[in-house]
Amino acid sequence: MGEDEASRSRSPELDQVRRMLFPGLSEAEGWARIDAALREAEDSDRVDSIERRASSADLDADLLDALKRLREEG
């Protein structure tokens, strides 16, 4: 998949996630990290789950809940 095709297939919600995760990186660098993580996951169910979560109406609350769980586990 070429870069233009990849950028057209990305949802606005996933782009929001990119900006939240990598605010200090360029758009290309942020996407490169996300694309690498998705390739490493090699799990279509996981990729679908990420897309669904990115499209959820309450993304900020979901991210905060995940961070709280990580802090409690660590």
N, C-alpha and C. Protein backbone atom coordinates (compact mmCIF):
# COMPACT_ATOMS: atom_id res chain seq x y z
N MET A 1 0.85 -1.17 0.00
CA MET A 1 0.00 0.00 0.00
C MET A 1 0.90 1.23 0.00
N GLY A 2 0.69 2.14 -0.97
CA GLY A 2 1.47 3.36 -1.05
C GLY A 2 1.07 4.35 0.03
N GLU A 3 1.92 5.36 0.23
CA GLU A 3 1.66 6.36 1.27
C GLU A 3 0.35 7.10 1.06
N ASP A 4 0.04 7.48 -0.19
CA ASP A 4 -1.21 8.19 -0.46
C ASP A 4 -2.41 7.30 -0.15
N GLU A 5 -2.33 6.04 -0.55
CA GLU A 5 -3.42 5.10 -0.29
C GLU A 5 -3.59 4.88 1.21
N ALA A 6 -2.48 4.76 1.93
CA ALA A 6 -2.53 4.56 3.37
C ALA A 6 -3.17 5.75 4.06
N SER A 7 -2.80 6.95 3.65
CA SER A 7 -3.36 8.14 4.31
C SER A 7 -4.85 8.27 4.03
N ARG A 8 -5.32 7.82 2.87
CA ARG A 8 -6.76 7.88 2.57
C ARG A 8 -7.54 6.86 3.39
N SER A 9 -6.90 5.75 3.76
CA SER A 9 -7.62 4.70 4.48
C SER A 9 -7.66 4.94 5.98
N ARG A 10 -6.94 5.93 6.48
CA ARG A 10 -6.91 6.21 7.91
C ARG A 10 -8.11 7.07 8.30
N SER A 11 -8.76 6.65 9.36
CA SER A 11 -9.93 7.39 9.83
C SER A 11 -9.50 8.67 10.54
N PRO A 12 -10.37 9.67 10.57
CA PRO A 12 -10.05 10.89 11.32
C PRO A 12 -9.81 10.59 12.80
N GLU A 13 -10.51 9.57 13.32
CA GLU A 13 -10.33 9.21 14.71
C GLU A 13 -8.94 8.64 14.97
N LEU A 14 -8.44 7.83 14.03
CA LEU A 14 -7.09 7.29 14.18
C LEU A 14 -6.06 8.41 14.05
N ASP A 15 -6.33 9.40 13.22
CA ASP A 15 -5.44 10.54 13.13
C ASP A 15 -5.42 11.30 14.45
N GLN A 16 -6.56 11.39 15.12
CA GLN A 16 -6.62 12.03 16.44
C GLN A 16 -5.75 11.27 17.44
N VAL A 17 -5.81 9.94 17.38
CA VAL A 17 -4.98 9.12 18.25
C VAL A 17 -3.51 9.40 17.98
N ARG A 18 -3.14 9.48 16.70
CA ARG A 18 -1.75 9.77 16.34
C ARG A 18 -1.29 11.08 16.96
N ARG A 19 -2.13 12.10 16.85
CA ARG A 19 -1.77 13.41 17.41
C ARG A 19 -1.66 13.37 18.93
N MET A 20 -2.53 12.58 19.58
CA MET A 20 -2.48 12.48 21.04
C MET A 20 -1.26 11.69 21.51
N LEU A 21 -0.92 10.63 20.79
CA LEU A 21 0.21 9.79 21.19
C LEU A 21 1.55 10.43 20.89
N PHE A 22 1.64 11.12 19.78
CA PHE A 22 2.92 11.65 19.32
C PHE A 22 2.83 13.14 18.98
N PRO A 23 2.48 13.97 19.95
CA PRO A 23 2.31 15.41 19.65
C PRO A 23 3.59 16.10 19.21
N GLY A 24 4.74 15.57 19.61
CA GLY A 24 6.00 16.21 19.26
C GLY A 24 6.64 15.72 17.98
N LEU A 25 6.02 14.71 17.36
CA LEU A 25 6.58 14.16 16.13
C LEU A 25 5.86 14.73 14.92
N SER A 26 6.56 14.70 13.80
CA SER A 26 5.91 15.10 12.57
C SER A 26 4.82 14.08 12.24
N GLU A 27 3.91 14.46 11.36
CA GLU A 27 2.84 13.55 10.95
C GLU A 27 3.43 12.25 10.40
N ALA A 28 4.44 12.36 9.54
CA ALA A 28 5.05 11.18 8.93
C ALA A 28 5.71 10.28 9.98
N GLU A 29 6.40 10.89 10.95
CA GLU A 29 7.04 10.09 11.99
C GLU A 29 6.01 9.39 12.88
N GLY A 30 4.94 10.10 13.22
CA GLY A 30 3.88 9.50 14.03
C GLY A 30 3.24 8.32 13.33
N TRP A 31 2.91 8.49 12.05
CA TRP A 31 2.32 7.39 11.28
C TRP A 31 3.30 6.24 11.15
N ALA A 32 4.57 6.54 10.98
CA ALA A 32 5.57 5.48 10.87
C ALA A 32 5.58 4.63 12.13
N ARG A 33 5.49 5.25 13.29
CA ARG A 33 5.47 4.49 14.55
C ARG A 33 4.19 3.67 14.68
N ILE A 34 3.06 4.26 14.32
CA ILE A 34 1.79 3.52 14.40
C ILE A 34 1.81 2.35 13.42
N ASP A 35 2.25 2.60 12.19
CA ASP A 35 2.30 1.54 11.19
C ASP A 35 3.22 0.41 11.64
N ALA A 36 4.36 0.75 12.25
CA ALA A 36 5.29 -0.28 12.73
C ALA A 36 4.64 -1.10 13.85
N ALA A 37 3.94 -0.43 14.75
CA ALA A 37 3.28 -1.15 15.85
C ALA A 37 2.21 -2.09 15.31
N LEU A 38 1.45 -1.64 14.33
CA LEU A 38 0.41 -2.48 13.75
C LEU A 38 1.01 -3.67 13.01
N ARG A 39 2.12 -3.44 12.30
CA ARG A 39 2.80 -4.55 11.61
C ARG A 39 3.31 -5.57 12.61
N GLU A 40 3.89 -5.09 13.71
CA GLU A 40 4.43 -5.99 14.73
C GLU A 40 3.32 -6.78 15.40
N ALA A 41 2.16 -6.18 15.55
CA ALA A 41 1.05 -6.88 16.19
C ALA A 41 0.59 -8.05 15.34
N GLU A 42 0.58 -7.86 14.01
CA GLU A 42 0.18 -8.89 13.06
C GLU A 42 -1.05 -9.67 13.52
N ASP A 43 -1.99 -8.95 14.04
CA ASP A 43 -3.20 -9.56 14.57
C ASP A 43 -4.37 -8.70 14.09
N SER A 44 -5.10 -9.19 13.08
CA SER A 44 -6.17 -8.38 12.50
C SER A 44 -7.24 -8.06 13.53
N ASP A 45 -7.48 -8.96 14.49
CA ASP A 45 -8.46 -8.66 15.54
C ASP A 45 -8.00 -7.48 16.39
N ARG A 46 -6.70 -7.44 16.68
CA ARG A 46 -6.15 -6.34 17.49
C ARG A 46 -6.24 -5.02 16.70
N VAL A 47 -5.92 -5.06 15.43
CA VAL A 47 -6.01 -3.86 14.60
C VAL A 47 -7.46 -3.36 14.56
N ASP A 48 -8.40 -4.29 14.37
CA ASP A 48 -9.81 -3.90 14.37
C ASP A 48 -10.21 -3.30 15.71
N SER A 49 -9.71 -3.86 16.79
CA SER A 49 -10.02 -3.35 18.12
C SER A 49 -9.48 -1.93 18.30
N ILE A 50 -8.27 -1.69 17.81
CA ILE A 50 -7.69 -0.35 17.90
C ILE A 50 -8.55 0.64 17.12
N GLU A 51 -8.96 0.25 15.92
CA GLU A 51 -9.81 1.14 15.11
C GLU A 51 -11.14 1.41 15.80
N ARG A 52 -11.75 0.37 16.39
CA ARG A 52 -13.03 0.57 17.09
C ARG A 52 -12.85 1.51 18.26
N ARG A 53 -11.79 1.31 19.02
CA ARG A 53 -11.54 2.16 20.19
C ARG A 53 -11.29 3.60 19.74
N ALA A 54 -10.55 3.77 18.66
CA ALA A 54 -10.27 5.12 18.16
C ALA A 54 -11.54 5.80 17.69
N SER A 55 -12.52 5.01 17.26
CA SER A 55 -13.77 5.58 16.77
C SER A 55 -14.81 5.76 17.87
N SER A 56 -14.50 5.31 19.08
CA SER A 56 -15.49 5.43 20.15
C SER A 56 -15.73 6.89 20.49
N ALA A 57 -16.91 7.16 21.00
CA ALA A 57 -17.31 8.54 21.29
C ALA A 57 -16.54 9.14 22.44
N ASP A 58 -16.03 8.32 23.36
CA ASP A 58 -15.39 8.84 24.55
C ASP A 58 -13.93 8.41 24.62
N LEU A 59 -13.17 8.75 23.60
CA LEU A 59 -11.79 8.34 23.48
C LEU A 59 -10.96 8.84 24.65
N ASP A 60 -11.12 10.09 25.06
CA ASP A 60 -10.34 10.64 26.15
C ASP A 60 -10.54 9.84 27.43
N ALA A 61 -11.78 9.52 27.76
CA ALA A 61 -12.08 8.75 28.97
C ALA A 61 -11.48 7.36 28.87
N ASP A 62 -11.55 6.74 27.71
CA ASP A 62 -10.98 5.41 27.52
C ASP A 62 -9.47 5.44 27.74
N LEU A 63 -8.79 6.46 27.21
CA LEU A 63 -7.35 6.56 27.39
C LEU A 63 -6.99 6.79 28.86
N LEU A 64 -7.75 7.64 29.54
CA LEU A 64 -7.49 7.87 30.96
C LEU A 64 -7.70 6.60 31.78
N ASP A 65 -8.74 5.85 31.48
CA ASP A 65 -8.98 4.58 32.18
C ASP A 65 -7.82 3.61 31.95
N ALA A 66 -7.34 3.54 30.73
CA ALA A 66 -6.22 2.64 30.43
C ALA A 66 -4.97 3.06 31.19
N LEU A 67 -4.71 4.36 31.26
CA LEU A 67 -3.54 4.85 32.01
C LEU A 67 -3.68 4.55 33.49
N LYS A 68 -4.87 4.70 34.05
CA LYS A 68 -5.10 4.39 35.46
C LYS A 68 -4.84 2.91 35.73
N ARG A 69 -5.34 2.05 34.84
CA ARG A 69 -5.12 0.61 35.01
C ARG A 69 -3.62 0.28 34.98
N LEU A 70 -2.91 0.89 34.05
CA LEU A 70 -1.46 0.64 33.96
C LEU A 70 -0.74 1.09 35.23
N ARG A 71 -1.14 2.24 35.76
CA ARG A 71 -0.52 2.74 36.98
C ARG A 71 -0.80 1.81 38.15
N GLU A 72 -2.04 1.32 38.24
CA GLU A 72 -2.41 0.41 39.33
C GLU A 72 -1.69 -0.93 39.22
N GLU A 73 -1.46 -1.40 37.99
CA GLU A 73 -0.77 -2.67 37.78
C GLU A 73 0.72 -2.56 38.04
N GLY A 74 1.27 -1.35 37.81
CA GLY A 74 2.73 -1.15 37.92
C GLY A 74 3.13 -0.84 39.26
